[in-house]
Amino acid sequence: MPEIRSARRPPHVDLGRAPYFVTSRTFESRTLFRGAFGEAAVTRLLADRQRYGFLLLAYAFMPDHAHFVIVPAHGHTISTTMRVVKGGIARQINIAMGAKGAVWQDGFYDKVARTMEQLNAYIEYTHRNPVVAGLVSREAEYALSSADGRCMGDYERFLNEPFVANTSPARAGKPTLRGERGGVGSGGRTNIAPESGTARAEKPALRVTDDDARAKERTR
């Protein structure tokens, strides 16, 4: 599938049934995901997960942005999946606020987890973000994230699938995720933020064009 490009939105390479670490900010970086509005966002996200069949491996709603570790449903792309996720949350927030208008900035930043180590690091980073921001002292205390284990069912489903993400051009078949299948948090926590720089596969057609260094600075 060709890359999706525009002047305002970051480009994406859709690899289908692969785990993506996604970050999206609120419109004009407004402080929005707090209290009842944050709870409304979580409720809608979990409802849409059931309705549309994508796997949700982790999430955290920060006051002015959100992180997701997400696997599109079969036959869907990360672009269509995030359109559903952001659209549903925006409608729910507008209903809760009794208002109309933009909730999110256009587009989103994404990276593909190419190994189990990367996948677990993205999940740990997502759950650790509220602690680093000083919102709570322990990950599980943050009500607007999946740090309490509510996404472990999807994580186990993902590990048990016959195939997951293969970004190697040497293999044209179904994707496979390389690396150890140590569970999140097993053997000690990996307090690792997503690596900076633009991730690249072995050939340009599979380049993941995420301005990750800048996104990392903007979302911490």
C-alpha atoms as a PDB file:
ATOM      1  CA  MET A   1       0.000   0.000   0.000  1.00  0.00           C
ATOM      2  CA  PRO A   2       1.464   3.432  -0.859  1.00  0.00           C
ATOM      3  CA  GLU A   3       2.425   5.845   1.878  1.00  0.00           C
ATOM      4  CA  ILE A   4      -0.238   8.357   2.886  1.00  0.00           C
ATOM      5  CA  ARG A   5       1.191  11.861   2.574  1.00  0.00           C
ATOM      6  CA  SER A   6      -0.121  15.366   2.996  1.00  0.00           C
ATOM      7  CA  ALA A   7       1.262  18.741   3.973  1.00  0.00           C
ATOM      8  CA  ARG A   8      -0.133  18.569   7.504  1.00  0.00           C
ATOM      9  CA  ARG A   9      -0.153  14.917   8.454  1.00  0.00           C
ATOM     10  CA  PRO A  10       2.838  12.629   9.063  1.00  0.00           C
ATOM     11  CA  PRO A  11       3.147   9.829   6.488  1.00  0.00           C
ATOM     12  CA  HIS A  12       2.445   6.216   7.448  1.00  0.00           C
ATOM     13  CA  VAL A  13       3.375   2.859   6.013  1.00  0.00           C
ATOM     14  CA  ASP A  14       0.572   0.398   6.718  1.00  0.00           C
ATOM     15  CA  LEU A  15       1.838  -3.107   7.478  1.00  0.00           C
ATOM     16  CA  GLY A  16      -1.505  -4.596   8.451  1.00  0.00           C
ATOM     17  CA  ARG A  17      -1.619  -7.016  11.389  1.00  0.00           C
ATOM     18  CA  ALA A  18       1.410  -5.595  13.199  1.00  0.00           C
ATOM     19  CA  PRO A  19       1.824  -3.930  16.622  1.00  0.00           C
ATOM     20  CA  TYR A  20       2.071  -0.144  16.399  1.00  0.00           C
ATOM     21  CA  PHE A  21       3.122   2.341  19.059  1.00  0.00           C
ATOM     22  CA  VAL A  22       0.969   5.402  18.314  1.00  0.00           C
ATOM     23  CA  THR A  23       0.957   8.903  19.774  1.00  0.00           C
ATOM     24  CA  SER A  24      -1.634  11.580  19.076  1.00  0.00           C
ATOM     25  CA  ARG A  25      -2.079  15.023  20.633  1.00  0.00           C
ATOM     26  CA  THR A  26      -5.204  16.990  21.458  1.00  0.00           C
ATOM     27  CA  PHE A  27      -6.198  19.931  19.291  1.00  0.00           C
ATOM     28  CA  GLU A  28      -3.936  22.893  20.096  1.00  0.00           C
ATOM     29  CA  SER A  29      -2.454  20.708  22.886  1.00  0.00           C
ATOM     30  CA  ARG A  30      -5.414  21.467  25.121  1.00  0.00           C
ATOM     31  CA  THR A  31      -5.551  19.856  28.566  1.00  0.00           C
ATOM     32  CA  LEU A  32      -8.512  17.584  27.960  1.00  0.00           C
ATOM     33  CA  PHE A  33      -8.113  14.034  29.233  1.00  0.00           C
ATOM     34  CA  ARG A  34      -8.836  14.563  32.920  1.00  0.00           C
ATOM     35  CA  GLY A  35     -11.658  13.484  35.187  1.00  0.00           C
ATOM     36  CA  ALA A  36     -14.953  12.711  33.474  1.00  0.00           C
ATOM     37  CA  PHE A  37     -13.620  13.529  30.008  1.00  0.00           C
ATOM     38  CA  GLY A  38     -10.710  11.140  30.445  1.00  0.00           C
ATOM     39  CA  GLU A  39     -13.086   8.440  31.668  1.00  0.00           C
ATOM     40  CA  ALA A  40     -15.316   9.027  28.642  1.00  0.00           C
ATOM     41  CA  ALA A  41     -12.316   8.564  26.349  1.00  0.00           C
ATOM     42  CA  VAL A  42     -11.367   5.258  28.015  1.00  0.00           C
ATOM     43  CA  THR A  43     -14.948   3.980  27.871  1.00  0.00           C
ATOM     44  CA  ARG A  44     -15.232   4.724  24.159  1.00  0.00           C
ATOM     45  CA  LEU A  45     -11.815   3.228  23.357  1.00  0.00           C
ATOM     46  CA  LEU A  46     -12.651  -0.059  25.073  1.00  0.00           C
ATOM     47  CA  ALA A  47     -16.097  -0.184  23.465  1.00  0.00           C
ATOM     48  CA  ASP A  48     -14.634   0.360  19.986  1.00  0.00           C
ATOM     49  CA  ARG A  49     -12.047  -2.332  20.628  1.00  0.00           C
ATOM     50  CA  GLN A  50     -14.897  -4.796  21.101  1.00  0.00           C
ATOM     51  CA  ARG A  51     -16.914  -3.445  18.204  1.00  0.00           C
ATOM     52  CA  TYR A  52     -14.162  -3.313  15.573  1.00  0.00           C
ATOM     53  CA  GLY A  53     -11.916  -6.165  16.679  1.00  0.00           C
ATOM     54  CA  PHE A  54      -8.521  -4.478  16.918  1.00  0.00           C
ATOM     55  CA  LEU A  55      -6.165  -5.614  19.681  1.00  0.00           C
ATOM     56  CA  LEU A  56      -5.308  -3.063  22.332  1.00  0.00           C
ATOM     57  CA  LEU A  57      -2.035  -3.991  24.027  1.00  0.00           C
ATOM     58  CA  ALA A  58      -1.659  -0.782  26.050  1.00  0.00           C
ATOM     59  CA  TYR A  59      -2.914   2.787  26.300  1.00  0.00           C
ATOM     60  CA  ALA A  60      -2.496   5.913  28.404  1.00  0.00           C
ATOM     61  CA  PHE A  61      -4.463   9.146  28.162  1.00  0.00           C
ATOM     62  CA  MET A  62      -2.240  12.007  29.288  1.00  0.00           C
ATOM     63  CA  PRO A  63      -3.809  15.467  29.788  1.00  0.00           C
ATOM     64  CA  ASP A  64      -2.928  16.699  26.283  1.00  0.00           C
ATOM     65  CA  HIS A  65      -2.022  13.555  24.344  1.00  0.00           C
ATOM     66  CA  ALA A  66      -2.518   9.803  24.280  1.00  0.00           C
ATOM     67  CA  HIS A  67      -0.370   6.744  23.649  1.00  0.00           C
ATOM     68  CA  PHE A  68      -1.654   3.479  22.209  1.00  0.00           C
ATOM     69  CA  VAL A  69      -0.027   0.131  21.471  1.00  0.00           C
ATOM     70  CA  ILE A  70      -2.466  -1.304  18.996  1.00  0.00           C
ATOM     71  CA  VAL A  71      -2.802  -4.088  16.419  1.00  0.00           C
ATOM     72  CA  PRO A  72      -5.269  -3.449  13.571  1.00  0.00           C
ATOM     73  CA  ALA A  73      -8.038  -5.981  12.982  1.00  0.00           C
ATOM     74  CA  HIS A  74      -7.572  -8.416  10.114  1.00  0.00           C
ATOM     75  CA  GLY A  75      -8.026  -6.646   6.797  1.00  0.00           C
ATOM     76  CA  HIS A  76      -7.561  -3.173   8.284  1.00  0.00           C
ATOM     77  CA  THR A  77      -4.641  -0.735   8.351  1.00  0.00           C
ATOM     78  CA  ILE A  78      -3.267   1.455  11.110  1.00  0.00           C
ATOM     79  CA  SER A  79      -4.654   4.488   9.256  1.00  0.00           C
ATOM     80  CA  THR A  80      -8.229   3.177   9.208  1.00  0.00           C
ATOM     81  CA  THR A  81      -7.904   1.878  12.756  1.00  0.00           C
ATOM     82  CA  MET A  82      -6.773   5.236  14.130  1.00  0.00           C
ATOM     83  CA  ARG A  83      -9.533   6.977  12.199  1.00  0.00           C
ATOM     84  CA  VAL A  84     -12.011   4.805  14.118  1.00  0.00           C
ATOM     85  CA  VAL A  85     -10.227   5.282  17.453  1.00  0.00           C
ATOM     86  CA  LYS A  86      -9.821   9.046  17.241  1.00  0.00           C
ATOM     87  CA  GLY A  87     -13.229   9.615  15.668  1.00  0.00           C
ATOM     88  CA  GLY A  88     -15.049   7.623  18.327  1.00  0.00           C
ATOM     89  CA  ILE A  89     -13.238   9.335  21.190  1.00  0.00           C
ATOM     90  CA  ALA A  90     -13.837  12.773  19.662  1.00  0.00           C
ATOM     91  CA  ARG A  91     -17.577  12.136  19.408  1.00  0.00           C
ATOM     92  CA  GLN A  92     -17.704  10.853  23.000  1.00  0.00           C
ATOM     93  CA  ILE A  93     -15.785  13.859  24.332  1.00  0.00           C
ATOM     94  CA  ASN A  94     -18.007  16.303  22.455  1.00  0.00           C
ATOM     95  CA  ILE A  95     -21.097  14.621  23.878  1.00  0.00           C
ATOM     96  CA  ALA A  96     -19.649  14.808  27.398  1.00  0.00           C
ATOM     97  CA  MET A  97     -18.748  18.476  26.915  1.00  0.00           C
ATOM     98  CA  GLY A  98     -21.987  19.384  25.185  1.00  0.00           C
ATOM     99  CA  ALA A  99     -19.924  20.947  22.426  1.00  0.00           C
ATOM    100  CA  LYS A 100     -18.779  20.499  18.853  1.00  0.00           C
ATOM    101  CA  GLY A 101     -15.374  20.908  17.312  1.00  0.00           C
ATOM    102  CA  ALA A 102     -11.934  19.376  16.963  1.00  0.00           C
ATOM    103  CA  VAL A 103     -10.664  17.183  19.782  1.00  0.00           C
ATOM    104  CA  TRP A 104      -7.440  15.894  18.188  1.00  0.00           C
ATOM    105  CA  GLN A 105      -4.675  17.379  16.103  1.00  0.00           C
ATOM    106  CA  ASP A 106      -4.623  16.022  12.553  1.00  0.00           C
ATOM    107  CA  GLY A 107      -2.731  12.802  12.047  1.00  0.00           C
ATOM    108  CA  PHE A 108      -0.647  10.767  14.475  1.00  0.00           C
ATOM    109  CA  TYR A 109       2.880   9.462  14.969  1.00  0.00           C
ATOM    110  CA  ASP A 110       3.528   5.744  14.827  1.00  0.00           C
ATOM    111  CA  LYS A 111       6.304   3.172  15.053  1.00  0.00           C
ATOM    112  CA  VAL A 112       6.137  -0.566  14.385  1.00  0.00           C
ATOM    113  CA  ALA A 113       7.476  -2.961  17.013  1.00  0.00           C
ATOM    114  CA  ARG A 114       9.878  -5.230  15.105  1.00  0.00           C
ATOM    115  CA  THR A 115      10.917  -7.419  18.051  1.00  0.00           C
ATOM    116  CA  MET A 116       9.322  -8.558  21.288  1.00  0.00           C
ATOM    117  CA  GLU A 117      11.862  -6.430  23.159  1.00  0.00           C
ATOM    118  CA  GLN A 118      10.640  -3.337  21.291  1.00  0.00           C
ATOM    119  CA  LEU A 119       7.004  -4.260  21.829  1.00  0.00           C
ATOM    120  CA  ASN A 120       7.438  -4.683  25.577  1.00  0.00           C
ATOM    121  CA  ALA A 121       9.461  -1.455  25.762  1.00  0.00           C
ATOM    122  CA  TYR A 122       6.650   0.475  24.044  1.00  0.00           C
ATOM    123  CA  ILE A 123       4.122  -0.977  26.496  1.00  0.00           C
ATOM    124  CA  GLU A 124       6.326  -0.157  29.478  1.00  0.00           C
ATOM    125  CA  TYR A 125       6.890   3.371  28.165  1.00  0.00           C
ATOM    126  CA  THR A 126       3.149   3.898  27.761  1.00  0.00           C
ATOM    127  CA  HIS A 127       2.421   2.776  31.315  1.00  0.00           C
ATOM    128  CA  ARG A 128       5.364   4.675  32.793  1.00  0.00           C
ATOM    129  CA  ASN A 129       4.462   7.998  31.164  1.00  0.00           C
ATOM    130  CA  PRO A 130       2.043   9.208  33.907  1.00  0.00           C
ATOM    131  CA  VAL A 131       4.687   8.488  36.565  1.00  0.00           C
ATOM    132  CA  VAL A 132       7.392  10.360  34.655  1.00  0.00           C
ATOM    133  CA  ALA A 133       4.982  13.289  34.223  1.00  0.00           C
ATOM    134  CA  GLY A 134       4.402  13.387  37.987  1.00  0.00           C
ATOM    135  CA  LEU A 135       0.699  12.577  37.778  1.00  0.00           C
ATOM    136  CA  VAL A 136       0.953   9.500  40.035  1.00  0.00           C
ATOM    137  CA  SER A 137       3.661   7.733  42.016  1.00  0.00           C
ATOM    138  CA  ARG A 138       2.942   4.232  40.711  1.00  0.00           C
ATOM    139  CA  GLU A 139       1.808   3.099  37.265  1.00  0.00           C
ATOM    140  CA  ALA A 140      -1.228   1.148  38.475  1.00  0.00           C
ATOM    141  CA  GLU A 141      -2.598   4.241  40.263  1.00  0.00           C
ATOM    142  CA  TYR A 142      -3.321   6.002  36.985  1.00  0.00           C
ATOM    143  CA  ALA A 143      -6.959   5.359  36.091  1.00  0.00           C
ATOM    144  CA  LEU A 144      -6.652   6.483  32.464  1.00  0.00           C
ATOM    145  CA  SER A 145      -4.194   3.785  31.411  1.00  0.00           C
ATOM    146  CA  SER A 146      -4.048   0.014  31.070  1.00  0.00           C
ATOM    147  CA  ALA A 147      -1.295  -0.364  33.679  1.00  0.00           C
ATOM    148  CA  ASP A 148      -3.735  -2.288  35.886  1.00  0.00           C
ATOM    149  CA  GLY A 149      -3.574  -5.191  33.428  1.00  0.00           C
ATOM    150  CA  ARG A 150      -6.869  -4.690  31.629  1.00  0.00           C
ATOM    151  CA  CYS A 151      -5.217  -5.239  28.224  1.00  0.00           C
ATOM    152  CA  MET A 152      -3.373  -8.441  29.127  1.00  0.00           C
ATOM    153  CA  GLY A 153      -6.027 -10.540  27.415  1.00  0.00           C
ATOM    154  CA  ASP A 154      -5.300  -8.876  24.081  1.00  0.00           C
ATOM    155  CA  TYR A 155      -1.553  -9.167  24.716  1.00  0.00           C
ATOM    156  CA  GLU A 156      -1.902 -12.932  25.215  1.00  0.00           C
ATOM    157  CA  ARG A 157      -4.099 -13.223  22.133  1.00  0.00           C
ATOM    158  CA  PHE A 158      -1.462 -11.418  20.107  1.00  0.00           C
ATOM    159  CA  LEU A 159       1.314 -13.733  21.319  1.00  0.00           C
ATOM    160  CA  ASN A 160      -0.760 -16.789  20.448  1.00  0.00           C
ATOM    161  CA  GLU A 161      -1.603 -15.715  16.902  1.00  0.00           C
ATOM    162  CA  PRO A 162      -0.031 -17.833  14.140  1.00  0.00           C
ATOM    163  CA  PHE A 163       1.644 -14.742  12.685  1.00  0.00           C
ATOM    164  CA  VAL A 164       2.282 -11.141  13.566  1.00  0.00           C
ATOM    165  CA  ALA A 165       4.546  -8.422  12.105  1.00  0.00           C
ATOM    166  CA  ASN A 166       7.172  -9.171   9.443  1.00  0.00           C
ATOM    167  CA  THR A 167       8.887  -6.109   8.028  1.00  0.00           C
ATOM    168  CA  SER A 168      11.739  -7.962   6.353  1.00  0.00           C
ATOM    169  CA  PRO A 169      11.681  -7.663   2.534  1.00  0.00           C
ATOM    170  CA  ALA A 170      13.277 -11.098   2.288  1.00  0.00           C
ATOM    171  CA  ARG A 171       9.959 -12.662   3.261  1.00  0.00           C
ATOM    172  CA  ALA A 172       6.923 -11.879   1.182  1.00  0.00           C
ATOM    173  CA  GLY A 173       4.594 -14.101   3.209  1.00  0.00           C
ATOM    174  CA  LYS A 174       2.730 -13.410   6.408  1.00  0.00           C
ATOM    175  CA  PRO A 175       4.520 -11.212   8.969  1.00  0.00           C
ATOM    176  CA  THR A 176       6.379 -12.701  11.938  1.00  0.00           C
ATOM    177  CA  LEU A 177       7.617 -10.879  15.014  1.00  0.00           C
ATOM    178  CA  ARG A 178      11.154 -11.819  15.971  1.00  0.00           C
ATOM    179  CA  GLY A 179      12.545 -12.040  19.500  1.00  0.00           C
ATOM    180  CA  GLU A 180      11.863 -13.483  22.934  1.00  0.00           C
ATOM    181  CA  ARG A 181       8.291 -13.827  24.109  1.00  0.00           C
ATOM    182  CA  GLY A 182       8.958 -12.692  27.649  1.00  0.00           C
ATOM    183  CA  GLY A 183       5.811 -11.090  28.980  1.00  0.00           C
ATOM    184  CA  VAL A 184       5.534  -7.441  29.892  1.00  0.00           C
ATOM    185  CA  GLY A 185       7.192  -6.870  33.241  1.00  0.00           C
ATOM    186  CA  SER A 186       8.564 -10.420  33.453  1.00  0.00           C
ATOM    187  CA  GLY A 187      12.144 -10.658  34.604  1.00  0.00           C
ATOM    188  CA  GLY A 188      12.097  -7.019  35.760  1.00  0.00           C
ATOM    189  CA  ARG A 189      10.799  -3.876  34.137  1.00  0.00           C
ATOM    190  CA  THR A 190      12.382  -2.366  31.085  1.00  0.00           C
ATOM    191  CA  ASN A 191      12.045   1.362  31.644  1.00  0.00           C
ATOM    192  CA  ILE A 192      12.910   2.132  28.049  1.00  0.00           C
ATOM    193  CA  ALA A 193      11.485   4.983  26.003  1.00  0.00           C
ATOM    194  CA  PRO A 194      11.004   4.370  22.267  1.00  0.00           C
ATOM    195  CA  GLU A 195      14.309   4.853  20.517  1.00  0.00           C
ATOM    196  CA  SER A 196      14.842   8.219  18.892  1.00  0.00           C
ATOM    197  CA  GLY A 197      15.371   8.691  15.194  1.00  0.00           C
ATOM    198  CA  THR A 198      13.436   7.464  12.198  1.00  0.00           C
ATOM    199  CA  ALA A 199      13.017   3.707  12.031  1.00  0.00           C
ATOM    200  CA  ARG A 200      13.870   2.076   8.735  1.00  0.00           C
ATOM    201  CA  ALA A 201      13.441  -1.421   7.392  1.00  0.00           C
ATOM    202  CA  GLU A 202      15.903  -2.938   4.959  1.00  0.00           C
ATOM    203  CA  LYS A 203      14.495  -1.147   1.933  1.00  0.00           C
ATOM    204  CA  PRO A 204      12.825   2.256   1.460  1.00  0.00           C
ATOM    205  CA  ALA A 205       9.413   0.835   0.597  1.00  0.00           C
ATOM    206  CA  LEU A 206       9.036  -0.298   4.208  1.00  0.00           C
ATOM    207  CA  ARG A 207      10.400   2.869   5.838  1.00  0.00           C
ATOM    208  CA  VAL A 208       8.492   3.868   8.963  1.00  0.00           C
ATOM    209  CA  THR A 209       8.560   7.636   8.663  1.00  0.00           C
ATOM    210  CA  ASP A 210       7.944   8.788  12.247  1.00  0.00           C
ATOM    211  CA  ASP A 211       9.684  11.952  13.371  1.00  0.00           C
ATOM    212  CA  ASP A 212      10.193  10.137  16.619  1.00  0.00           C
ATOM    213  CA  ALA A 213      12.828  12.330  18.199  1.00  0.00           C
ATOM    214  CA  ARG A 214      10.586  15.397  17.959  1.00  0.00           C
ATOM    215  CA  ALA A 215       7.460  13.447  18.941  1.00  0.00           C
ATOM    216  CA  LYS A 216       9.246  12.102  21.994  1.00  0.00           C
ATOM    217  CA  GLU A 217      10.131  15.600  23.195  1.00  0.00           C
ATOM    218  CA  ARG A 218       6.596  16.873  22.575  1.00  0.00           C
ATOM    219  CA  THR A 219       4.805  14.014  24.374  1.00  0.00           C
ATOM    220  CA  ARG A 220       6.780  13.529  27.572  1.00  0.00           C
END
